[in-house]
Amino acid sequence: MPSKQKNLLSPKKLLLTKWTAVHPSDKRKHFLVSKVILPDLPQQAIEYVELEAVFDKQIQRILWRDLSNSAVWLQGWV
């Protein structure tokens, strides 16, 4: 039986993925990755994504690797 490993995130596949904040603030619980921020130089790694709150469309920029912290973010809309 295959082991259940945590899904590995790839910054190139994050666009339009859904996320739930573990500790919502100002009724902002559900988010959508609205933009993957490309680096200035193509050989540099992707570092940031923009999350758009579903509740009020507010946008915040975070390090894409922060999404793998399950104490802060859950994948999907829970």
C-alpha atoms as a PDB file:
ATOM      1  CA  MET A   1       0.000   0.000   0.000  1.00  0.00           C
ATOM      2  CA  PRO A   2       1.460   3.418  -0.917  1.00  0.00           C
ATOM      3  CA  SER A   3       2.364   5.698   1.963  1.00  0.00           C
ATOM      4  CA  LYS A   4       0.372   8.862   2.446  1.00  0.00           C
ATOM      5  CA  GLN A   5       2.872  11.649   2.080  1.00  0.00           C
ATOM      6  CA  LYS A   6       2.031  15.303   2.251  1.00  0.00           C
ATOM      7  CA  ASN A   7       1.536  16.792  -1.202  1.00  0.00           C
ATOM      8  CA  LEU A   8       4.619  18.710  -2.233  1.00  0.00           C
ATOM      9  CA  LEU A   9       3.905  22.226  -3.388  1.00  0.00           C
ATOM     10  CA  SER A  10       5.283  23.618  -6.603  1.00  0.00           C
ATOM     11  CA  PRO A  11       5.136  27.393  -7.146  1.00  0.00           C
ATOM     12  CA  LYS A  12       4.375  26.911 -10.834  1.00  0.00           C
ATOM     13  CA  LYS A  13       1.209  24.944  -9.994  1.00  0.00           C
ATOM     14  CA  LEU A  14      -0.179  27.234  -7.277  1.00  0.00           C
ATOM     15  CA  LEU A  15      -2.146  29.611  -9.495  1.00  0.00           C
ATOM     16  CA  LEU A  16      -5.887  29.493  -8.670  1.00  0.00           C
ATOM     17  CA  THR A  17      -5.442  27.000  -5.826  1.00  0.00           C
ATOM     18  CA  LYS A  18      -7.683  27.410  -2.771  1.00  0.00           C
ATOM     19  CA  TRP A  19      -6.449  27.888   0.814  1.00  0.00           C
ATOM     20  CA  THR A  20      -8.026  28.227   4.248  1.00  0.00           C
ATOM     21  CA  ALA A  21      -6.460  30.296   7.015  1.00  0.00           C
ATOM     22  CA  VAL A  22      -6.200  28.315  10.253  1.00  0.00           C
ATOM     23  CA  HIS A  23      -6.631  31.540  12.260  1.00  0.00           C
ATOM     24  CA  PRO A  24      -8.904  33.842  10.205  1.00  0.00           C
ATOM     25  CA  SER A  25      -8.815  37.586  10.754  1.00  0.00           C
ATOM     26  CA  ASP A  26     -11.515  40.125   9.849  1.00  0.00           C
ATOM     27  CA  LYS A  27     -13.738  37.336   8.468  1.00  0.00           C
ATOM     28  CA  ARG A  28     -11.032  36.456   5.925  1.00  0.00           C
ATOM     29  CA  LYS A  29     -10.830  32.687   6.025  1.00  0.00           C
ATOM     30  CA  HIS A  30     -10.854  31.462   2.434  1.00  0.00           C
ATOM     31  CA  PHE A  31      -8.244  32.550  -0.085  1.00  0.00           C
ATOM     32  CA  LEU A  32      -7.364  31.965  -3.716  1.00  0.00           C
ATOM     33  CA  VAL A  33      -3.865  32.233  -5.176  1.00  0.00           C
ATOM     34  CA  SER A  34      -4.566  34.997  -7.693  1.00  0.00           C
ATOM     35  CA  LYS A  35      -1.024  35.572  -8.930  1.00  0.00           C
ATOM     36  CA  VAL A  36       2.382  33.909  -8.889  1.00  0.00           C
ATOM     37  CA  ILE A  37       5.000  36.662  -8.717  1.00  0.00           C
ATOM     38  CA  LEU A  38       7.739  35.958 -11.244  1.00  0.00           C
ATOM     39  CA  PRO A  39      11.273  37.106 -10.372  1.00  0.00           C
ATOM     40  CA  ASP A  40      12.988  39.901 -12.289  1.00  0.00           C
ATOM     41  CA  LEU A  41      15.541  37.503 -13.719  1.00  0.00           C
ATOM     42  CA  PRO A  42      14.241  34.250 -15.258  1.00  0.00           C
ATOM     43  CA  GLN A  43      16.997  32.156 -13.664  1.00  0.00           C
ATOM     44  CA  GLN A  44      15.907  33.188 -10.155  1.00  0.00           C
ATOM     45  CA  ALA A  45      13.447  31.092  -8.182  1.00  0.00           C
ATOM     46  CA  ILE A  46       9.825  32.092  -7.624  1.00  0.00           C
ATOM     47  CA  GLU A  47       9.435  33.406  -4.087  1.00  0.00           C
ATOM     48  CA  TYR A  48       6.060  35.115  -3.722  1.00  0.00           C
ATOM     49  CA  VAL A  49       2.394  34.594  -4.497  1.00  0.00           C
ATOM     50  CA  GLU A  50      -0.597  36.873  -4.067  1.00  0.00           C
ATOM     51  CA  LEU A  51      -3.557  35.570  -2.102  1.00  0.00           C
ATOM     52  CA  GLU A  52      -6.982  37.102  -2.640  1.00  0.00           C
ATOM     53  CA  ALA A  53      -9.517  36.861   0.167  1.00  0.00           C
ATOM     54  CA  VAL A  54     -12.840  35.498  -1.054  1.00  0.00           C
ATOM     55  CA  PHE A  55     -14.772  37.564   1.507  1.00  0.00           C
ATOM     56  CA  ASP A  56     -13.670  41.062   0.478  1.00  0.00           C
ATOM     57  CA  LYS A  57     -11.158  40.625  -2.373  1.00  0.00           C
ATOM     58  CA  GLN A  58      -8.270  42.011  -0.287  1.00  0.00           C
ATOM     59  CA  ILE A  59      -4.898  40.938  -1.657  1.00  0.00           C
ATOM     60  CA  GLN A  60      -1.834  39.998   0.344  1.00  0.00           C
ATOM     61  CA  ARG A  61       1.606  38.932  -0.830  1.00  0.00           C
ATOM     62  CA  ILE A  62       3.285  36.042   0.988  1.00  0.00           C
ATOM     63  CA  LEU A  63       6.228  33.716   0.468  1.00  0.00           C
ATOM     64  CA  TRP A  64       4.814  30.723  -1.396  1.00  0.00           C
ATOM     65  CA  ARG A  65       6.629  28.322   0.958  1.00  0.00           C
ATOM     66  CA  ASP A  66       4.558  29.677   3.861  1.00  0.00           C
ATOM     67  CA  LEU A  67       1.584  27.792   2.403  1.00  0.00           C
ATOM     68  CA  SER A  68       3.215  24.511   3.444  1.00  0.00           C
ATOM     69  CA  ASN A  69       2.954  25.512   7.128  1.00  0.00           C
ATOM     70  CA  SER A  70      -0.130  23.575   8.275  1.00  0.00           C
ATOM     71  CA  ALA A  71      -0.292  25.630  11.471  1.00  0.00           C
ATOM     72  CA  VAL A  72      -1.196  28.650   9.316  1.00  0.00           C
ATOM     73  CA  TRP A  73      -2.693  27.336   6.044  1.00  0.00           C
ATOM     74  CA  LEU A  74      -4.799  24.360   4.983  1.00  0.00           C
ATOM     75  CA  GLN A  75      -5.071  23.409   1.331  1.00  0.00           C
ATOM     76  CA  GLY A  76      -8.583  23.715  -0.056  1.00  0.00           C
ATOM     77  CA  TRP A  77     -11.610  25.449   1.477  1.00  0.00           C
ATOM     78  CA  VAL A  78     -12.350  23.768   4.770  1.00  0.00           C
END
